[in-house]
Amino acid sequence: MEQMYSLKSAASLLEVSVKTVRRLLHLHQIKVYRVGNNIRLRESDLKQLITEELSLDDYRLSI
């Protein structure tokens, strides 16, 4: 089974605030899974977000 993260754990992993993670969720940048009343995020979705953001940052720096 794939690793799942809470909002707080995901924010820590991404080195951003929980508010930023909520903003990404609101913008549908990360898929949300609910376990009861708890929100969980898949590790692969977070890694994909990191990869996409790094690629965008690299592109912006080269302009």
N, C-alpha and C. Protein backbone atom coordinates (compact mmCIF):
# COMPACT_ATOMS: atom_id res chain seq x y z
N MET A 1 0.84 -1.18 0.00
CA MET A 1 0.00 0.00 0.00
C MET A 1 0.88 1.25 0.00
N GLU A 2 0.47 2.24 -0.74
CA GLU A 2 1.24 3.47 -0.87
C GLU A 2 1.11 4.35 0.39
N GLN A 3 2.19 5.07 0.69
CA GLN A 3 2.21 5.97 1.84
C GLN A 3 1.20 7.11 1.63
N MET A 4 0.43 7.40 2.69
CA MET A 4 -0.53 8.50 2.67
C MET A 4 -0.12 9.51 3.73
N TYR A 5 -0.33 10.80 3.45
CA TYR A 5 0.08 11.87 4.34
C TYR A 5 -1.10 12.73 4.75
N SER A 6 -1.07 13.21 5.99
CA SER A 6 -2.04 14.21 6.45
C SER A 6 -1.61 15.55 5.86
N LEU A 7 -2.45 16.56 6.01
CA LEU A 7 -2.10 17.90 5.53
C LEU A 7 -0.81 18.40 6.20
N LYS A 8 -0.71 18.19 7.49
CA LYS A 8 0.46 18.66 8.23
C LYS A 8 1.72 17.93 7.78
N SER A 9 1.62 16.62 7.61
CA SER A 9 2.78 15.84 7.16
C SER A 9 3.18 16.21 5.73
N ALA A 10 2.19 16.42 4.88
CA ALA A 10 2.47 16.80 3.49
C ALA A 10 3.14 18.17 3.44
N ALA A 11 2.66 19.10 4.25
CA ALA A 11 3.25 20.43 4.30
C ALA A 11 4.71 20.35 4.75
N SER A 12 4.97 19.52 5.73
CA SER A 12 6.34 19.33 6.21
C SER A 12 7.22 18.73 5.12
N LEU A 13 6.72 17.73 4.43
CA LEU A 13 7.46 17.10 3.35
C LEU A 13 7.78 18.09 2.24
N LEU A 14 6.82 18.93 1.88
CA LEU A 14 6.99 19.92 0.81
C LEU A 14 7.70 21.18 1.28
N GLU A 15 7.89 21.29 2.61
CA GLU A 15 8.51 22.46 3.22
C GLU A 15 7.72 23.73 2.91
N VAL A 16 6.40 23.63 3.07
CA VAL A 16 5.48 24.76 2.92
C VAL A 16 4.51 24.74 4.09
N SER A 17 3.67 25.75 4.18
CA SER A 17 2.69 25.79 5.26
C SER A 17 1.48 24.93 4.92
N VAL A 18 0.72 24.60 5.94
CA VAL A 18 -0.53 23.85 5.73
C VAL A 18 -1.47 24.69 4.87
N LYS A 19 -1.43 26.01 5.05
CA LYS A 19 -2.26 26.91 4.25
C LYS A 19 -1.94 26.78 2.76
N THR A 20 -0.67 26.65 2.43
CA THR A 20 -0.27 26.48 1.03
C THR A 20 -0.78 25.15 0.48
N VAL A 21 -0.70 24.10 1.27
CA VAL A 21 -1.22 22.79 0.83
C VAL A 21 -2.73 22.90 0.61
N ARG A 22 -3.43 23.57 1.50
CA ARG A 22 -4.88 23.76 1.31
C ARG A 22 -5.17 24.54 0.03
N ARG A 23 -4.34 25.54 -0.27
CA ARG A 23 -4.50 26.32 -1.50
C ARG A 23 -4.32 25.42 -2.72
N LEU A 24 -3.33 24.55 -2.69
CA LEU A 24 -3.11 23.62 -3.80
C LEU A 24 -4.30 22.67 -3.95
N LEU A 25 -4.85 22.24 -2.84
CA LEU A 25 -6.03 21.37 -2.88
C LEU A 25 -7.20 22.12 -3.51
N HIS A 26 -7.38 23.36 -3.12
CA HIS A 26 -8.47 24.18 -3.64
C HIS A 26 -8.33 24.39 -5.15
N LEU A 27 -7.09 24.53 -5.61
CA LEU A 27 -6.82 24.71 -7.04
C LEU A 27 -6.79 23.40 -7.81
N HIS A 28 -7.08 22.30 -7.11
CA HIS A 28 -7.10 20.95 -7.69
C HIS A 28 -5.74 20.54 -8.24
N GLN A 29 -4.67 20.98 -7.58
CA GLN A 29 -3.32 20.58 -7.96
C GLN A 29 -2.93 19.24 -7.35
N ILE A 30 -3.63 18.84 -6.30
CA ILE A 30 -3.36 17.57 -5.62
C ILE A 30 -4.69 16.85 -5.41
N LYS A 31 -4.72 15.56 -5.70
CA LYS A 31 -5.92 14.78 -5.49
C LYS A 31 -6.09 14.48 -4.01
N VAL A 32 -7.32 14.56 -3.53
CA VAL A 32 -7.65 14.38 -2.12
C VAL A 32 -8.32 13.03 -1.89
N TYR A 33 -7.92 12.37 -0.81
CA TYR A 33 -8.56 11.13 -0.38
C TYR A 33 -9.08 11.37 1.03
N ARG A 34 -10.28 10.92 1.29
CA ARG A 34 -10.86 11.08 2.63
C ARG A 34 -10.92 9.72 3.32
N VAL A 35 -10.46 9.71 4.56
CA VAL A 35 -10.56 8.54 5.42
C VAL A 35 -11.37 9.01 6.62
N GLY A 36 -12.66 8.70 6.60
CA GLY A 36 -13.56 9.27 7.61
C GLY A 36 -13.63 10.77 7.40
N ASN A 37 -13.33 11.54 8.43
CA ASN A 37 -13.31 13.00 8.33
C ASN A 37 -11.92 13.55 8.02
N ASN A 38 -10.95 12.67 7.84
CA ASN A 38 -9.57 13.09 7.64
C ASN A 38 -9.20 13.14 6.16
N ILE A 39 -8.43 14.16 5.80
CA ILE A 39 -7.92 14.30 4.43
C ILE A 39 -6.56 13.63 4.37
N ARG A 40 -6.34 12.85 3.32
CA ARG A 40 -5.06 12.20 3.10
C ARG A 40 -4.60 12.46 1.67
N LEU A 41 -3.28 12.54 1.49
CA LEU A 41 -2.68 12.79 0.19
C LEU A 41 -1.69 11.67 -0.11
N ARG A 42 -1.71 11.19 -1.34
CA ARG A 42 -0.81 10.09 -1.72
C ARG A 42 0.61 10.60 -1.96
N GLU A 43 1.57 9.79 -1.60
CA GLU A 43 2.97 10.13 -1.78
C GLU A 43 3.29 10.37 -3.26
N SER A 44 2.76 9.55 -4.14
CA SER A 44 3.06 9.71 -5.57
C SER A 44 2.52 11.03 -6.12
N ASP A 45 1.36 11.49 -5.62
CA ASP A 45 0.81 12.78 -6.05
C ASP A 45 1.70 13.93 -5.59
N LEU A 46 2.23 13.82 -4.37
CA LEU A 46 3.12 14.86 -3.85
C LEU A 46 4.43 14.87 -4.62
N LYS A 47 4.97 13.71 -4.92
CA LYS A 47 6.21 13.64 -5.69
C LYS A 47 6.02 14.22 -7.09
N GLN A 48 4.87 13.95 -7.69
CA GLN A 48 4.59 14.49 -9.02
C GLN A 48 4.53 16.02 -8.95
N LEU A 49 3.91 16.55 -7.93
CA LEU A 49 3.85 18.00 -7.75
C LEU A 49 5.25 18.58 -7.60
N ILE A 50 6.09 17.93 -6.82
CA ILE A 50 7.47 18.41 -6.64
C ILE A 50 8.20 18.41 -7.96
N THR A 51 8.07 17.36 -8.74
CA THR A 51 8.74 17.25 -10.03
C THR A 51 8.27 18.34 -10.98
N GLU A 52 6.97 18.57 -11.03
CA GLU A 52 6.42 19.60 -11.91
C GLU A 52 6.90 20.98 -11.49
N GLU A 53 6.89 21.26 -10.20
CA GLU A 53 7.31 22.58 -9.72
C GLU A 53 8.79 22.82 -9.98
N LEU A 54 9.63 21.81 -9.76
CA LEU A 54 11.05 21.97 -10.03
C LEU A 54 11.28 22.24 -11.50
N SER A 55 10.54 21.57 -12.36
CA SER A 55 10.69 21.78 -13.79
C SER A 55 10.28 23.20 -14.16
N LEU A 56 9.21 23.70 -13.57
CA LEU A 56 8.77 25.06 -13.84
C LEU A 56 9.79 26.06 -13.34
N ASP A 57 10.34 25.83 -12.15
CA ASP A 57 11.35 26.75 -11.61
C ASP A 57 12.59 26.77 -12.49
N ASP A 58 13.03 25.62 -12.93
CA ASP A 58 14.20 25.56 -13.80
C ASP A 58 13.94 26.33 -15.10
N TYR A 59 12.75 26.18 -15.63
CA TYR A 59 12.40 26.87 -16.87
C TYR A 59 12.38 28.38 -16.66
N ARG A 60 11.83 28.84 -15.57
CA ARG A 60 11.77 30.27 -15.29
C ARG A 60 13.17 30.85 -15.11
N LEU A 61 14.07 30.10 -14.49
CA LEU A 61 15.41 30.60 -14.28
C LEU A 61 16.19 30.75 -15.58
N SER A 62 15.88 29.95 -16.57
CA SER A 62 16.64 29.99 -17.81
C SER A 62 16.16 31.09 -18.76
N ILE A 63 15.06 31.74 -18.45
CA ILE A 63 14.54 32.79 -19.34
C ILE A 63 15.28 34.08 -19.10
